[in-house]
Amino acid sequence: MSARTKNLFESAVSRARVIRQGDIVQVVIDGGGAFVTFTQEFRMAQKWASSRIATGNMVTDRGRFFEQIGTLVSRPGSMVSTRGSGKYVENLVRAMNQGGYELSEWMLTPELKAIARAHLQGPEPKVRDAAEEAPSEAPEADDDVSPDVEAQPRDGAGRRSP
């Protein structure tokens, strides 16, 4: 009875943990760092690698598999570095931020690190324009409503109490 041959995906993720979290996937490699990518991109690379035969060299197989992932954010010391189109990497960083990742632990450009700090600072203050600074005119009074009716207290449902 012959042993079944491993495919490239099985070889690449041996001694690694694949953690799926909604729209993102984190791959933690024992002794090789970690990276995060989009679930869809990971599945496409997984499908590609599953149809290939492993070389028998785990490092080579990992390299071939990781080459198929175009957008990823990695930790310092990982076998792969952060890469991808600016907008896609930014979207990935936002997804990581929503997922609760501590972004200071990842290899990011200063612009992307600013995204991580943005939610801590709160919303930016609104800049008022000249129209908002000018006092608005008081609305014209309605002749149909008597002042004593308006002064009556209201209950919790907005109805006037007797």
N, C-alpha and C. Protein backbone atom coordinates (compact mmCIF):
# COMPACT_ATOMS: atom_id res chain seq x y z
N MET A 1 0.84 -1.17 0.00
CA MET A 1 0.00 0.00 0.00
C MET A 1 0.89 1.24 0.00
N SER A 2 0.69 2.13 -0.97
CA SER A 2 1.54 3.32 -1.09
C SER A 2 0.95 4.48 -0.28
N ALA A 3 1.83 5.31 0.20
CA ALA A 3 1.40 6.48 0.97
C ALA A 3 0.86 7.54 0.01
N ARG A 4 -0.18 8.19 0.44
CA ARG A 4 -0.78 9.26 -0.36
C ARG A 4 0.17 10.45 -0.41
N THR A 5 0.32 11.05 -1.58
CA THR A 5 1.20 12.21 -1.71
C THR A 5 0.46 13.47 -1.26
N LYS A 6 1.18 14.36 -0.63
CA LYS A 6 0.59 15.61 -0.16
C LYS A 6 0.47 16.58 -1.34
N ASN A 7 -0.58 17.41 -1.25
CA ASN A 7 -0.65 18.48 -2.23
C ASN A 7 0.09 19.70 -1.67
N LEU A 8 0.27 20.69 -2.49
CA LEU A 8 1.06 21.87 -2.13
C LEU A 8 0.46 22.60 -0.93
N PHE A 9 -0.86 22.69 -0.87
CA PHE A 9 -1.50 23.38 0.26
C PHE A 9 -1.23 22.66 1.57
N GLU A 10 -1.40 21.35 1.59
CA GLU A 10 -1.17 20.58 2.81
C GLU A 10 0.27 20.74 3.30
N SER A 11 1.21 20.74 2.37
CA SER A 11 2.61 20.89 2.73
C SER A 11 2.88 22.31 3.25
N ALA A 12 2.29 23.30 2.60
CA ALA A 12 2.55 24.70 2.96
C ALA A 12 2.01 25.06 4.34
N VAL A 13 0.87 24.50 4.72
CA VAL A 13 0.28 24.85 6.01
C VAL A 13 0.57 23.82 7.10
N SER A 14 1.42 22.83 6.79
CA SER A 14 1.81 21.92 7.86
C SER A 14 2.65 22.72 8.84
N ARG A 15 2.47 22.47 10.11
CA ARG A 15 3.10 23.23 11.19
C ARG A 15 2.72 24.71 11.15
N ALA A 16 1.48 24.97 10.76
CA ALA A 16 0.93 26.33 10.76
C ALA A 16 -0.53 26.25 11.18
N ARG A 17 -1.03 27.33 11.71
CA ARG A 17 -2.45 27.41 12.08
C ARG A 17 -3.14 28.39 11.15
N VAL A 18 -4.27 27.96 10.61
CA VAL A 18 -5.08 28.82 9.75
C VAL A 18 -6.30 29.21 10.56
N ILE A 19 -6.44 30.50 10.84
CA ILE A 19 -7.53 31.00 11.68
C ILE A 19 -8.43 31.84 10.80
N ARG A 20 -9.64 31.35 10.56
CA ARG A 20 -10.61 32.08 9.73
C ARG A 20 -11.50 32.93 10.63
N GLN A 21 -11.61 34.20 10.28
CA GLN A 21 -12.42 35.13 11.08
C GLN A 21 -13.24 36.01 10.14
N GLY A 22 -14.33 35.48 9.64
CA GLY A 22 -15.18 36.26 8.74
C GLY A 22 -14.51 36.56 7.42
N ASP A 23 -14.27 37.86 7.16
CA ASP A 23 -13.70 38.29 5.89
C ASP A 23 -12.19 38.16 5.83
N ILE A 24 -11.55 37.82 6.94
CA ILE A 24 -10.09 37.72 6.94
C ILE A 24 -9.63 36.37 7.47
N VAL A 25 -8.41 36.00 7.07
CA VAL A 25 -7.79 34.76 7.50
C VAL A 25 -6.41 35.10 8.05
N GLN A 26 -6.08 34.56 9.20
CA GLN A 26 -4.74 34.72 9.75
C GLN A 26 -4.03 33.38 9.67
N VAL A 27 -2.81 33.40 9.16
CA VAL A 27 -1.99 32.20 9.10
C VAL A 27 -0.81 32.43 10.04
N VAL A 28 -0.71 31.58 11.07
CA VAL A 28 0.38 31.66 12.05
C VAL A 28 1.29 30.48 11.78
N ILE A 29 2.53 30.78 11.41
CA ILE A 29 3.50 29.76 11.02
C ILE A 29 4.46 29.54 12.19
N ASP A 30 4.56 28.31 12.64
CA ASP A 30 5.49 28.01 13.74
C ASP A 30 6.90 28.37 13.33
N GLY A 31 7.49 29.33 14.02
CA GLY A 31 8.85 29.77 13.72
C GLY A 31 8.98 30.60 12.47
N GLY A 32 7.87 30.99 11.87
CA GLY A 32 7.94 31.73 10.61
C GLY A 32 7.07 32.97 10.58
N GLY A 33 6.59 33.43 11.73
CA GLY A 33 5.78 34.64 11.77
C GLY A 33 4.31 34.39 11.51
N ALA A 34 3.65 35.41 11.02
CA ALA A 34 2.21 35.33 10.76
C ALA A 34 1.84 36.38 9.72
N PHE A 35 0.72 36.14 9.06
CA PHE A 35 0.17 37.15 8.15
C PHE A 35 -1.34 37.03 8.11
N VAL A 36 -1.97 38.11 7.65
CA VAL A 36 -3.43 38.18 7.52
C VAL A 36 -3.74 38.55 6.08
N THR A 37 -4.76 37.91 5.52
CA THR A 37 -5.22 38.23 4.17
C THR A 37 -6.74 38.10 4.13
N PHE A 38 -7.31 38.46 3.00
CA PHE A 38 -8.75 38.32 2.82
C PHE A 38 -9.11 36.85 2.64
N THR A 39 -10.25 36.44 3.15
CA THR A 39 -10.71 35.06 3.03
C THR A 39 -10.83 34.65 1.57
N GLN A 40 -11.37 35.51 0.75
CA GLN A 40 -11.57 35.18 -0.66
C GLN A 40 -10.23 34.94 -1.35
N GLU A 41 -9.26 35.78 -1.06
CA GLU A 41 -7.95 35.62 -1.68
C GLU A 41 -7.26 34.34 -1.19
N PHE A 42 -7.43 34.05 0.11
CA PHE A 42 -6.85 32.83 0.67
C PHE A 42 -7.47 31.60 0.02
N ARG A 43 -8.78 31.60 -0.17
CA ARG A 43 -9.44 30.45 -0.78
C ARG A 43 -9.01 30.23 -2.22
N MET A 44 -8.79 31.32 -2.96
CA MET A 44 -8.32 31.16 -4.34
C MET A 44 -6.93 30.53 -4.35
N ALA A 45 -6.05 31.00 -3.46
CA ALA A 45 -4.71 30.42 -3.38
C ALA A 45 -4.77 28.97 -2.90
N GLN A 46 -5.68 28.69 -1.97
CA GLN A 46 -5.85 27.32 -1.46
C GLN A 46 -6.30 26.39 -2.58
N LYS A 47 -7.24 26.85 -3.38
CA LYS A 47 -7.74 26.04 -4.49
C LYS A 47 -6.62 25.78 -5.50
N TRP A 48 -5.83 26.82 -5.78
CA TRP A 48 -4.71 26.65 -6.70
C TRP A 48 -3.71 25.64 -6.15
N ALA A 49 -3.35 25.79 -4.87
CA ALA A 49 -2.32 24.93 -4.27
C ALA A 49 -2.81 23.49 -4.07
N SER A 50 -4.10 23.32 -3.89
CA SER A 50 -4.63 21.97 -3.69
C SER A 50 -4.54 21.12 -4.95
N SER A 51 -4.43 21.77 -6.09
CA SER A 51 -4.33 21.02 -7.34
C SER A 51 -2.88 20.76 -7.75
N ARG A 52 -1.92 21.18 -6.94
CA ARG A 52 -0.50 20.99 -7.23
C ARG A 52 0.10 19.95 -6.29
N ILE A 53 1.08 19.24 -6.76
CA ILE A 53 1.77 18.23 -5.95
C ILE A 53 2.90 18.92 -5.18
N ALA A 54 3.04 18.59 -3.92
CA ALA A 54 4.09 19.16 -3.08
C ALA A 54 5.46 18.71 -3.56
N THR A 55 6.45 19.56 -3.35
CA THR A 55 7.82 19.22 -3.74
C THR A 55 8.51 18.36 -2.69
N GLY A 56 7.98 18.36 -1.49
CA GLY A 56 8.63 17.64 -0.40
C GLY A 56 9.44 18.57 0.49
N ASN A 57 9.72 19.78 0.01
CA ASN A 57 10.43 20.78 0.79
C ASN A 57 9.39 21.78 1.29
N MET A 58 9.12 21.77 2.59
CA MET A 58 8.06 22.59 3.16
C MET A 58 8.30 24.08 2.91
N VAL A 59 9.53 24.55 3.02
CA VAL A 59 9.83 25.98 2.83
C VAL A 59 9.55 26.40 1.39
N THR A 60 9.94 25.58 0.44
CA THR A 60 9.68 25.87 -0.97
C THR A 60 8.18 25.87 -1.24
N ASP A 61 7.47 24.91 -0.69
CA ASP A 61 6.02 24.83 -0.88
C ASP A 61 5.32 26.04 -0.29
N ARG A 62 5.78 26.47 0.88
CA ARG A 62 5.19 27.67 1.49
C ARG A 62 5.42 28.88 0.61
N GLY A 63 6.62 29.01 0.11
CA GLY A 63 6.93 30.13 -0.77
C GLY A 63 6.06 30.16 -2.00
N ARG A 64 5.87 29.01 -2.63
CA ARG A 64 5.01 28.93 -3.82
C ARG A 64 3.56 29.26 -3.48
N PHE A 65 3.10 28.78 -2.33
CA PHE A 65 1.72 29.05 -1.92
C PHE A 65 1.53 30.53 -1.59
N PHE A 66 2.46 31.09 -0.82
CA PHE A 66 2.32 32.49 -0.40
C PHE A 66 2.44 33.46 -1.57
N GLU A 67 3.15 33.06 -2.63
CA GLU A 67 3.24 33.89 -3.83
C GLU A 67 1.87 34.11 -4.47
N GLN A 68 0.96 33.19 -4.28
CA GLN A 68 -0.36 33.28 -4.88
C GLN A 68 -1.27 34.28 -4.17
N ILE A 69 -0.88 34.71 -2.98
CA ILE A 69 -1.69 35.66 -2.20
C ILE A 69 -1.15 37.06 -2.49
N GLY A 70 -1.96 37.88 -3.13
CA GLY A 70 -1.51 39.20 -3.57
C GLY A 70 -1.55 40.27 -2.51
N THR A 71 -2.51 40.21 -1.60
CA THR A 71 -2.66 41.23 -0.57
C THR A 71 -2.55 40.58 0.78
N LEU A 72 -1.58 41.02 1.57
CA LEU A 72 -1.44 40.50 2.93
C LEU A 72 -0.72 41.50 3.81
N VAL A 73 -0.98 41.38 5.10
CA VAL A 73 -0.29 42.18 6.11
C VAL A 73 0.43 41.18 7.01
N SER A 74 1.73 41.40 7.20
CA SER A 74 2.51 40.42 7.95
C SER A 74 3.07 41.02 9.23
N ARG A 75 3.50 40.14 10.11
CA ARG A 75 4.18 40.54 11.33
C ARG A 75 5.66 40.67 11.04
N PRO A 76 6.37 41.48 11.83
CA PRO A 76 7.82 41.55 11.65
C PRO A 76 8.45 40.18 11.86
N GLY A 77 9.41 39.83 11.03
CA GLY A 77 10.09 38.54 11.14
C GLY A 77 9.41 37.41 10.40
N SER A 78 8.35 37.72 9.65
CA SER A 78 7.64 36.68 8.90
C SER A 78 8.40 36.34 7.62
N MET A 79 8.08 35.17 7.05
CA MET A 79 8.73 34.78 5.80
C MET A 79 8.27 35.66 4.64
N VAL A 80 7.12 36.29 4.75
CA VAL A 80 6.61 37.18 3.70
C VAL A 80 6.43 38.56 4.30
N SER A 81 6.48 39.58 3.45
CA SER A 81 6.30 40.94 3.94
C SER A 81 4.96 41.49 3.46
N THR A 82 4.52 42.55 4.11
CA THR A 82 3.26 43.19 3.75
C THR A 82 3.33 43.60 2.28
N ARG A 83 2.26 43.29 1.55
CA ARG A 83 2.24 43.63 0.13
C ARG A 83 0.81 43.76 -0.35
N GLY A 84 0.68 44.38 -1.50
CA GLY A 84 -0.63 44.53 -2.13
C GLY A 84 -0.86 45.96 -2.58
N SER A 85 -1.91 46.16 -3.34
CA SER A 85 -2.29 47.48 -3.80
C SER A 85 -2.73 48.32 -2.59
N GLY A 86 -2.40 49.59 -2.61
CA GLY A 86 -2.66 50.48 -1.47
C GLY A 86 -4.08 50.41 -0.94
N LYS A 87 -5.05 50.48 -1.84
CA LYS A 87 -6.46 50.48 -1.42
C LYS A 87 -6.85 49.14 -0.78
N TYR A 88 -6.36 48.05 -1.36
CA TYR A 88 -6.69 46.73 -0.82
C TYR A 88 -6.04 46.49 0.54
N VAL A 89 -4.80 46.95 0.68
CA VAL A 89 -4.13 46.81 1.98
C VAL A 89 -4.85 47.66 3.01
N GLU A 90 -5.28 48.86 2.61
CA GLU A 90 -6.03 49.72 3.53
C GLU A 90 -7.33 49.06 3.97
N ASN A 91 -8.04 48.44 3.03
CA ASN A 91 -9.28 47.73 3.38
C ASN A 91 -9.00 46.55 4.31
N LEU A 92 -7.88 45.87 4.08
CA LEU A 92 -7.51 44.75 4.94
C LEU A 92 -7.18 45.25 6.35
N VAL A 93 -6.48 46.37 6.44
CA VAL A 93 -6.16 46.95 7.75
C VAL A 93 -7.44 47.35 8.48
N ARG A 94 -8.39 47.92 7.75
CA ARG A 94 -9.68 48.29 8.37
C ARG A 94 -10.41 47.04 8.88
N ALA A 95 -10.38 45.97 8.09
CA ALA A 95 -11.02 44.72 8.51
C ALA A 95 -10.32 44.14 9.74
N MET A 96 -9.00 44.24 9.77
CA MET A 96 -8.25 43.76 10.94
C MET A 96 -8.61 44.60 12.16
N ASN A 97 -8.73 45.90 11.97
CA ASN A 97 -9.07 46.80 13.06
C ASN A 97 -10.45 46.44 13.62
N GLN A 98 -11.40 46.18 12.73
CA GLN A 98 -12.74 45.77 13.16
C GLN A 98 -12.72 44.42 13.85
N GLY A 99 -11.80 43.55 13.43
CA GLY A 99 -11.69 42.22 14.01
C GLY A 99 -10.98 42.22 15.37
N GLY A 100 -10.49 43.38 15.80
CA GLY A 100 -9.87 43.47 17.11
C GLY A 100 -8.38 43.22 17.14
N TYR A 101 -7.73 43.25 15.99
CA TYR A 101 -6.28 43.05 15.94
C TYR A 101 -5.56 44.28 16.50
N GLU A 102 -4.50 44.05 17.21
CA GLU A 102 -3.63 45.13 17.68
C GLU A 102 -2.69 45.47 16.53
N LEU A 103 -2.97 46.55 15.81
CA LEU A 103 -2.25 46.85 14.58
C LEU A 103 -0.82 47.30 14.80
N SER A 104 -0.46 47.66 16.02
CA SER A 104 0.93 48.06 16.27
C SER A 104 1.88 46.87 16.16
N GLU A 105 1.34 45.65 16.22
CA GLU A 105 2.15 44.44 16.13
C GLU A 105 2.44 44.00 14.70
N TRP A 106 1.91 44.72 13.72
CA TRP A 106 2.01 44.32 12.33
C TRP A 106 2.86 45.30 11.54
N MET A 107 3.45 44.84 10.43
CA MET A 107 4.29 45.70 9.59
C MET A 107 3.39 46.55 8.69
N LEU A 108 3.25 47.82 9.10
CA LEU A 108 2.40 48.76 8.36
C LEU A 108 3.15 50.05 8.12
N THR A 109 2.78 50.73 7.04
CA THR A 109 3.35 52.05 6.76
C THR A 109 2.75 53.05 7.75
N PRO A 110 3.37 54.21 7.95
CA PRO A 110 2.81 55.21 8.87
C PRO A 110 1.39 55.63 8.52
N GLU A 111 1.07 55.68 7.22
CA GLU A 111 -0.29 56.05 6.81
C GLU A 111 -1.31 55.01 7.28
N LEU A 112 -0.93 53.74 7.19
CA LEU A 112 -1.84 52.68 7.62
C LEU A 112 -1.93 52.62 9.15
N LYS A 113 -0.85 52.94 9.84
CA LYS A 113 -0.92 52.99 11.30
C LYS A 113 -1.85 54.09 11.77
N ALA A 114 -1.97 55.16 10.98
CA ALA A 114 -2.88 56.25 11.31
C ALA A 114 -4.34 55.77 11.31
N ILE A 115 -4.65 54.82 10.45
CA ILE A 115 -6.00 54.25 10.42
C ILE A 115 -6.31 53.58 11.75
N ALA A 116 -5.32 52.92 12.29
CA ALA A 116 -5.51 52.22 13.56
C ALA A 116 -5.74 53.21 14.70
N ARG A 117 -5.07 54.34 14.65
CA ARG A 117 -5.23 55.34 15.71
C ARG A 117 -6.48 56.18 15.53
N ALA A 118 -7.04 56.21 14.33
CA ALA A 118 -8.18 57.07 14.04
C ALA A 118 -9.39 56.74 14.90
N HIS A 119 -9.65 55.47 15.13
CA HIS A 119 -10.82 55.11 15.93
C HIS A 119 -10.63 55.45 17.40
N LEU A 120 -9.38 55.58 17.85
CA LEU A 120 -9.12 55.94 19.24
C LEU A 120 -9.33 57.44 19.47
N GLN A 121 -9.11 58.25 18.44
CA GLN A 121 -9.23 59.69 18.57
C GLN A 121 -10.66 60.16 18.44
N GLY A 122 -11.53 59.37 17.91
CA GLY A 122 -12.91 59.78 17.72
C GLY A 122 -13.07 60.50 16.39
N PRO A 123 -14.28 60.98 16.12
CA PRO A 123 -14.52 61.64 14.84
C PRO A 123 -13.80 62.99 14.78
N GLU A 124 -13.44 63.39 13.57
CA GLU A 124 -12.79 64.68 13.40
C GLU A 124 -13.81 65.78 13.64
N PRO A 125 -13.37 66.90 14.23
CA PRO A 125 -14.32 67.99 14.46
C PRO A 125 -14.79 68.57 13.14
N LYS A 126 -16.08 68.92 13.11
CA LYS A 126 -16.65 69.48 11.89
C LYS A 126 -16.15 70.90 11.71
N VAL A 127 -15.85 71.25 10.48
CA VAL A 127 -15.45 72.61 10.16
C VAL A 127 -16.72 73.35 9.80
N ARG A 128 -16.96 74.44 10.51
CA ARG A 128 -18.19 75.20 10.25
C ARG A 128 -17.95 76.17 9.12
N ASP A 129 -18.95 76.30 8.28
CA ASP A 129 -18.83 77.28 7.22
C ASP A 129 -19.56 78.56 7.63
N ALA A 130 -19.47 79.60 6.83
CA ALA A 130 -20.03 80.90 7.17
C ALA A 130 -21.54 80.85 7.32
N ALA A 131 -22.21 80.00 6.57
CA ALA A 131 -23.67 79.91 6.65
C ALA A 131 -24.12 79.40 8.02
N GLU A 132 -23.34 78.50 8.62
CA GLU A 132 -23.72 77.97 9.93
C GLU A 132 -23.43 78.96 11.04
N GLU A 133 -22.44 79.85 10.84
CA GLU A 133 -22.09 80.79 11.89
C GLU A 133 -23.06 81.95 11.96
N ALA A 134 -23.71 82.30 10.86
CA ALA A 134 -24.66 83.41 10.86
C ALA A 134 -25.91 83.00 11.64
N PRO A 135 -26.42 83.92 12.47
CA PRO A 135 -27.63 83.58 13.22
C PRO A 135 -28.81 83.42 12.27
N SER A 136 -29.57 82.39 12.49
CA SER A 136 -30.71 82.14 11.62
C SER A 136 -31.89 82.98 12.08
N GLU A 137 -32.73 83.30 11.13
CA GLU A 137 -33.92 84.07 11.46
C GLU A 137 -34.91 83.19 12.19
N ALA A 138 -35.65 83.77 13.12
CA ALA A 138 -36.65 83.02 13.87
C ALA A 138 -37.80 82.66 12.94
N PRO A 139 -38.31 81.45 13.05
CA PRO A 139 -39.44 81.08 12.19
C PRO A 139 -40.66 81.91 12.53
N GLU A 140 -41.48 82.14 11.51
CA GLU A 140 -42.68 82.93 11.75
C GLU A 140 -43.62 82.16 12.65
N ALA A 141 -44.29 82.90 13.53
CA ALA A 141 -45.21 82.28 14.50
C ALA A 141 -46.48 81.85 13.79
N ASP A 142 -47.03 80.74 14.20
CA ASP A 142 -48.29 80.23 13.68
C ASP A 142 -49.42 80.90 14.43
N ASP A 143 -50.36 81.50 13.71
CA ASP A 143 -51.48 82.16 14.36
C ASP A 143 -52.50 81.16 14.87
N ASP A 144 -52.50 79.92 14.38
CA ASP A 144 -53.51 78.93 14.75
C ASP A 144 -53.28 78.34 16.13
N VAL A 145 -52.08 78.38 16.65
CA VAL A 145 -51.77 77.74 17.92
C VAL A 145 -51.73 78.79 19.02
N SER A 146 -52.52 78.58 20.05
CA SER A 146 -52.52 79.55 21.16
C SER A 146 -51.36 79.22 22.09
N PRO A 147 -50.76 80.20 22.75
CA PRO A 147 -49.60 79.97 23.60
C PRO A 147 -49.88 79.06 24.79
N ASP A 148 -51.10 79.08 25.34
CA ASP A 148 -51.40 78.24 26.50
C ASP A 148 -51.46 76.76 26.12
N VAL A 149 -51.80 76.43 24.85
CA VAL A 149 -51.84 75.04 24.42
C VAL A 149 -50.41 74.49 24.32
N GLU A 150 -49.48 75.30 23.83
CA GLU A 150 -48.09 74.89 23.70
C GLU A 150 -47.44 74.66 25.05
N ALA A 151 -47.86 75.39 26.06
CA ALA A 151 -47.23 75.30 27.37
C ALA A 151 -47.70 74.11 28.18
N GLN A 152 -48.73 73.40 27.70
CA GLN A 152 -49.22 72.25 28.46
C GLN A 152 -48.19 71.14 28.44
N PRO A 153 -47.99 70.46 29.58
CA PRO A 153 -47.01 69.36 29.63
C PRO A 153 -47.48 68.17 28.80
N ARG A 154 -46.51 67.38 28.35
CA ARG A 154 -46.80 66.19 27.54
C ARG A 154 -46.38 64.96 28.32
N ASP A 155 -47.09 63.84 28.06
CA ASP A 155 -46.69 62.59 28.72
C ASP A 155 -45.61 61.91 27.87
N GLY A 156 -45.17 60.74 28.26
CA GLY A 156 -44.08 60.04 27.57
C GLY A 156 -44.36 59.72 26.12
N ALA A 157 -45.64 59.60 25.73
CA ALA A 157 -45.98 59.25 24.35
C ALA A 157 -46.15 60.48 23.49
N GLY A 158 -45.92 61.69 24.04
CA GLY A 158 -46.02 62.90 23.25
C GLY A 158 -47.41 63.50 23.27
N ARG A 159 -48.35 62.93 24.01
CA ARG A 159 -49.70 63.45 24.09
C ARG A 159 -49.75 64.51 25.18
N ARG A 160 -50.64 65.47 25.00
CA ARG A 160 -50.82 66.51 26.02
C ARG A 160 -51.57 65.90 27.18
N SER A 161 -51.10 66.16 28.35
CA SER A 161 -51.82 65.63 29.52
C SER A 161 -52.92 66.61 29.91
N PRO A 162 -54.04 66.10 30.43
CA PRO A 162 -55.21 66.96 30.74
C PRO A 162 -54.95 67.91 31.87
